[in-house]
C-alpha atoms as a PDB file:
ATOM      1  CA  MET A   1      38.685  18.265 -15.771  1.00  0.00           C
ATOM      2  CA  ILE A   2      40.044  19.821 -12.526  1.00  0.00           C
ATOM      3  CA  SER A   3      41.618  17.514 -10.043  1.00  0.00           C
ATOM      4  CA  ILE A   4      40.544  17.915  -6.433  1.00  0.00           C
ATOM      5  CA  ARG A   5      43.297  15.722  -5.146  1.00  0.00           C
ATOM      6  CA  ARG A   6      45.874  17.319  -2.936  1.00  0.00           C
ATOM      7  CA  LYS A   7      49.231  18.133  -4.445  1.00  0.00           C
ATOM      8  CA  PRO A   8      52.322  16.655  -2.888  1.00  0.00           C
ATOM      9  CA  GLN A   9      53.865  18.898  -0.203  1.00  0.00           C
ATOM     10  CA  ASP A  10      57.229  19.126  -1.984  1.00  0.00           C
ATOM     11  CA  LEU A  11      55.609  20.563  -5.083  1.00  0.00           C
ATOM     12  CA  VAL A  12      53.647  23.139  -3.018  1.00  0.00           C
ATOM     13  CA  ARG A  13      56.732  24.207  -1.124  1.00  0.00           C
ATOM     14  CA  THR A  14      58.737  24.677  -4.242  1.00  0.00           C
ATOM     15  CA  ARG A  15      56.031  26.849  -5.789  1.00  0.00           C
ATOM     16  CA  PHE A  16      55.780  28.873  -2.592  1.00  0.00           C
ATOM     17  CA  GLY A  17      59.554  29.221  -2.477  1.00  0.00           C
ATOM     18  CA  ARG A  18      59.562  30.466  -6.075  1.00  0.00           C
ATOM     19  CA  VAL A  19      56.910  33.054  -5.267  1.00  0.00           C
ATOM     20  CA  GLN A  20      58.882  34.240  -2.234  1.00  0.00           C
ATOM     21  CA  GLU A  21      62.046  34.548  -4.292  1.00  0.00           C
ATOM     22  CA  ALA A  22      60.225  36.547  -6.952  1.00  0.00           C
ATOM     23  CA  ALA A  23      58.816  38.874  -4.267  1.00  0.00           C
ATOM     24  CA  ARG A  24      62.291  39.406  -2.806  1.00  0.00           C
ATOM     25  CA  GLN A  25      63.734  40.222  -6.206  1.00  0.00           C
ATOM     26  CA  GLY A  26      60.865  42.621  -6.920  1.00  0.00           C
ATOM     27  CA  ALA A  27      61.386  44.392  -3.602  1.00  0.00           C
ATOM     28  CA  ASP A  28      65.131  44.710  -4.305  1.00  0.00           C
ATOM     29  CA  VAL A  29      64.453  46.177  -7.744  1.00  0.00           C
ATOM     30  CA  CYS A  30      61.935  48.619  -6.239  1.00  0.00           C
ATOM     31  CA  ARG A  31      64.430  49.697  -3.566  1.00  0.00           C
ATOM     32  CA  GLN A  32      67.141  50.296  -6.148  1.00  0.00           C
ATOM     33  CA  GLY A  33      64.745  52.241  -8.359  1.00  0.00           C
ATOM     34  CA  ALA A  34      63.568  54.385  -5.463  1.00  0.00           C
ATOM     35  CA  SER A  35      67.150  55.009  -4.422  1.00  0.00           C
ATOM     36  CA  ASN A  36      68.109  56.075  -7.944  1.00  0.00           C
ATOM     37  CA  ALA A  37      65.018  58.291  -8.204  1.00  0.00           C
ATOM     38  CA  ALA A  38      65.747  59.880  -4.833  1.00  0.00           C
ATOM     39  CA  GLY A  39      69.312  60.589  -5.943  1.00  0.00           C
ATOM     40  CA  ARG A  40      68.052  62.334  -9.062  1.00  0.00           C
ATOM     41  CA  VAL A  41      65.078  64.086  -7.410  1.00  0.00           C
ATOM     42  CA  ALA A  42      66.685  65.163  -4.124  1.00  0.00           C
ATOM     43  CA  PRO A  43      68.512  68.232  -5.441  1.00  0.00           C
ATOM     44  CA  ILE A  44      65.468  69.346  -7.411  1.00  0.00           C
ATOM     45  CA  ALA A  45      63.113  68.630  -4.530  1.00  0.00           C
ATOM     46  CA  GLY A  46      65.323  70.525  -2.083  1.00  0.00           C
ATOM     47  CA  GLU A  47      65.422  73.520  -4.403  1.00  0.00           C
ATOM     48  CA  ARG A  48      61.660  73.406  -4.909  1.00  0.00           C
ATOM     49  CA  MET A  49      61.112  73.135  -1.152  1.00  0.00           C
ATOM     50  CA  MET A  50      63.180  76.272  -0.583  1.00  0.00           C
ATOM     51  CA  ILE A  51      61.174  78.111  -3.227  1.00  0.00           C
ATOM     52  CA  ALA A  52      57.911  76.997  -1.624  1.00  0.00           C
ATOM     53  CA  ARG A  53      59.122  78.034   1.819  1.00  0.00           C
ATOM     54  CA  GLY A  54      60.215  81.442   0.529  1.00  0.00           C
ATOM     55  CA  TRP A  55      56.824  81.918  -1.104  1.00  0.00           C
ATOM     56  CA  SER A  56      54.758  80.808   1.898  1.00  0.00           C
ATOM     57  CA  ALA A  57      56.618  82.583   4.740  1.00  0.00           C
ATOM     58  CA  PRO A  58      55.471  86.159   3.879  1.00  0.00           C
ATOM     59  CA  ARG A  59      51.921  84.932   3.366  1.00  0.00           C
ATOM     60  CA  LEU A  60      51.962  83.232   6.763  1.00  0.00           C
ATOM     61  CA  ARG A  61      53.226  86.456   8.383  1.00  0.00           C
ATOM     62  CA  ARG A  62      50.486  88.454   6.667  1.00  0.00           C
ATOM     63  CA  ALA A  63      47.863  85.947   7.830  1.00  0.00           C
ATOM     64  CA  ALA A  64      49.196  86.146  11.406  1.00  0.00           C
ATOM     65  CA  ARG A  65      48.948  89.965  11.361  1.00  0.00           C
ATOM     66  CA  TYR A  66      45.401  89.755  10.025  1.00  0.00           C
ATOM     67  CA  VAL A  67      44.403  87.362  12.781  1.00  0.00           C
ATOM     68  CA  GLU A  68      45.924  89.647  15.432  1.00  0.00           C
ATOM     69  CA  THR A  69      44.481  92.910  14.128  1.00  0.00           C
ATOM     70  CA  GLY A  70      41.331  91.837  12.325  1.00  0.00           C
ATOM     71  CA  ILE A  71      39.904  88.627  13.662  1.00  0.00           C
ATOM     72  CA  ALA A  72      41.068  88.621  17.296  1.00  0.00           C
ATOM     73  CA  PRO A  73      39.345  91.911  18.262  1.00  0.00           C
ATOM     74  CA  ARG A  74      36.154  90.747  16.591  1.00  0.00           C
ATOM     75  CA  VAL A  75      36.286  87.424  18.379  1.00  0.00           C
ATOM     76  CA  SER A  76      36.991  89.196  21.664  1.00  0.00           C
ATOM     77  CA  THR A  77      34.025  91.548  21.176  1.00  0.00           C
ATOM     78  CA  PHE A  78      31.815  88.632  20.209  1.00  0.00           C
ATOM     79  CA  LEU A  79      32.822  86.655  23.299  1.00  0.00           C
ATOM     80  CA  SER A  80      32.224  89.673  25.566  1.00  0.00           C
ATOM     81  CA  ASP A  81      28.748  90.159  24.076  1.00  0.00           C
ATOM     82  CA  VAL A  82      27.927  86.491  24.529  1.00  0.00           C
ATOM     83  CA  ALA A  83      29.162  86.608  28.135  1.00  0.00           C
ATOM     84  CA  GLY A  84      26.851  89.565  28.779  1.00  0.00           C
ATOM     85  CA  ARG A  85      23.911  87.645  27.361  1.00  0.00           C
ATOM     86  CA  VAL A  86      24.718  84.485  29.294  1.00  0.00           C
ATOM     87  CA  GLU A  87      25.287  86.196  32.645  1.00  0.00           C
ATOM     88  CA  PRO A  88      22.249  85.977  34.949  1.00  0.00           C
ATOM     89  CA  PRO A  89      20.483  89.276  35.744  1.00  0.00           C
ATOM     90  CA  LYS A  90      21.578  91.210  38.799  1.00  0.00           C
ATOM     91  CA  SER A  91      19.364  91.078  41.885  1.00  0.00           C
ATOM     92  CA  ALA A  92      17.016  94.052  42.289  1.00  0.00           C
ATOM     93  CA  LYS A  93      17.579  94.508  46.037  1.00  0.00           C
ATOM     94  CA  PRO A  94      19.864  97.396  47.015  1.00  0.00           C
ATOM     95  CA  GLY A  95      23.346  96.626  48.150  1.00  0.00           C
ATOM     96  CA  ARG A  96      24.622  96.947  51.684  1.00  0.00           C
ATOM     97  CA  GLY A  97      26.381 100.249  50.892  1.00  0.00           C
ATOM     98  CA  ALA A  98      23.170 101.894  49.654  1.00  0.00           C
ATOM     99  CA  LEU A  99      21.291 100.670  52.732  1.00  0.00           C
ATOM    100  CA  MET A 100      23.939 102.070  55.079  1.00  0.00           C
ATOM    101  CA  ALA A 101      23.924 105.419  53.231  1.00  0.00           C
ATOM    102  CA  MET A 102      20.130 105.662  53.593  1.00  0.00           C
ATOM    103  CA  MET A 103      20.334 104.851  57.313  1.00  0.00           C
ATOM    104  CA  GLY A 104      23.031 107.501  57.765  1.00  0.00           C
ATOM    105  CA  ALA A 105      20.911 110.107  55.984  1.00  0.00           C
ATOM    106  CA  VAL A 106      17.872 109.279  58.141  1.00  0.00           C
ATOM    107  CA  ALA A 107      19.994 109.500  61.290  1.00  0.00           C
ATOM    108  CA  ALA A 108      21.408 112.884  60.213  1.00  0.00           C
ATOM    109  CA  VAL A 109      17.931 114.252  59.542  1.00  0.00           C
ATOM    110  CA  GLY A 110      16.788 112.990  62.943  1.00  0.00           C
ATOM    111  CA  VAL A 111      19.702 114.647  64.747  1.00  0.00           C
ATOM    112  CA  ALA A 112      19.090 117.892  62.872  1.00  0.00           C
ATOM    113  CA  GLY A 113      15.410 117.786  63.872  1.00  0.00           C
ATOM    114  CA  VAL A 114      16.246 117.200  67.538  1.00  0.00           C
ATOM    115  CA  VAL A 115      18.743 120.078  67.547  1.00  0.00           C
ATOM    116  CA  ALA A 116      16.285 122.421  65.825  1.00  0.00           C
ATOM    117  CA  THR A 117      13.494 121.477  68.226  1.00  0.00           C
ATOM    118  CA  ARG A 118      15.683 122.005  71.292  1.00  0.00           C
ATOM    119  CA  ARG A 119      16.869 125.405  70.061  1.00  0.00           C
ATOM    120  CA  GLY A 120      13.292 126.451  69.367  1.00  0.00           C
ATOM    121  CA  VAL A 121      12.146 125.405  72.849  1.00  0.00           C
ATOM    122  CA  ILE A 122      15.103 127.153  74.497  1.00  0.00           C
ATOM    123  CA  ARG A 123      14.528 130.308  72.431  1.00  0.00           C
ATOM    124  CA  ASP A 124      10.843 130.373  73.448  1.00  0.00           C
ATOM    125  CA  LEU A 125      11.752 129.952  77.110  1.00  0.00           C
ATOM    126  CA  THR A 126      14.412 132.654  77.055  1.00  0.00           C
ATOM    127  CA  LYS A 127      12.114 135.171  75.389  1.00  0.00           C
ATOM    128  CA  GLY A 128       9.526 134.751  78.104  1.00  0.00           C
ATOM    129  CA  SER A 129      11.969 135.009  81.041  1.00  0.00           C
ATOM    130  CA  GLY A 130      14.004 137.919  79.619  1.00  0.00           C
ATOM    131  CA  GLU A 131      17.364 136.140  79.615  1.00  0.00           C
ATOM    132  CA  HIS A 132      20.049 137.086  77.127  1.00  0.00           C
ATOM    133  CA  VAL A 133      21.043 135.138  74.055  1.00  0.00           C
ATOM    134  CA  GLU A 134      24.295 134.033  75.686  1.00  0.00           C
ATOM    135  CA  ASP A 135      22.304 132.252  78.349  1.00  0.00           C
ATOM    136  CA  ALA A 136      20.217 130.574  75.653  1.00  0.00           C
ATOM    137  CA  THR A 137      23.313 129.066  74.091  1.00  0.00           C
ATOM    138  CA  SER A 138      24.523 127.832  77.450  1.00  0.00           C
ATOM    139  CA  ALA A 139      21.088 126.296  78.062  1.00  0.00           C
ATOM    140  CA  ASP A 140      21.416 124.597  74.668  1.00  0.00           C
ATOM    141  CA  SER A 141      24.270 122.577  76.051  1.00  0.00           C
ATOM    142  CA  MET A 142      22.179 121.269  78.952  1.00  0.00           C
ATOM    143  CA  THR A 143      21.432 117.607  78.938  1.00  0.00           C
ATOM    144  CA  VAL A 144      17.983 116.074  78.860  1.00  0.00           C
ATOM    145  CA  THR A 145      18.144 115.584  82.615  1.00  0.00           C
ATOM    146  CA  GLY A 146      18.098 119.383  83.003  1.00  0.00           C
ATOM    147  CA  ALA A 147      14.492 119.579  81.729  1.00  0.00           C
ATOM    148  CA  ASP A 148      11.350 118.830  83.711  1.00  0.00           C
ATOM    149  CA  VAL A 149       8.875 116.231  82.655  1.00  0.00           C
ATOM    150  CA  ASP A 150       6.598 118.907  81.171  1.00  0.00           C
ATOM    151  CA  GLY A 151       9.455 120.337  79.019  1.00  0.00           C
ATOM    152  CA  GLN A 152      10.322 123.294  81.268  1.00  0.00           C
ATOM    153  CA  VAL A 153      14.018 124.098  81.595  1.00  0.00           C
ATOM    154  CA  ARG A 154      15.280 124.620  85.128  1.00  0.00           C
ATOM    155  CA  SER A 155      17.919 127.199  85.808  1.00  0.00           C
ATOM    156  CA  PRO A 156      21.191 125.873  87.202  1.00  0.00           C
ATOM    157  CA  HIS A 157      20.984 127.995  90.463  1.00  0.00           C
END
């Protein structure tokens, strides 16, 4: 039968002390074993590490070149395409430069029409009065104030 009575404290402490001592001894033995193993393995491990480094370095360089020349351009192209798809559409209204160019063209056509109309009127007037062509060109330089309300050109004298 199992006793449920408490053990005396001295007996418990001595058992605990024995367990602690055994744990300390085990840890010391483990440390010594690891130290001995490290002493035996260190030269071999160092040599093996150098072999592994010599084997992996060229492969890492080759992988780096592949990333630079093979993957990076593809990723760049992919990102550019995605940016084009994500970007909102441009507005359909013409820009300020196009608007100004159209206004300039309309103004130029208007000026050309005014000049052509004035030359035609002056030419018609000079034909009827018998004046020479030189006079017609001098009349072309007259201002609007030189014409009557009905469109007749007055002579300067």
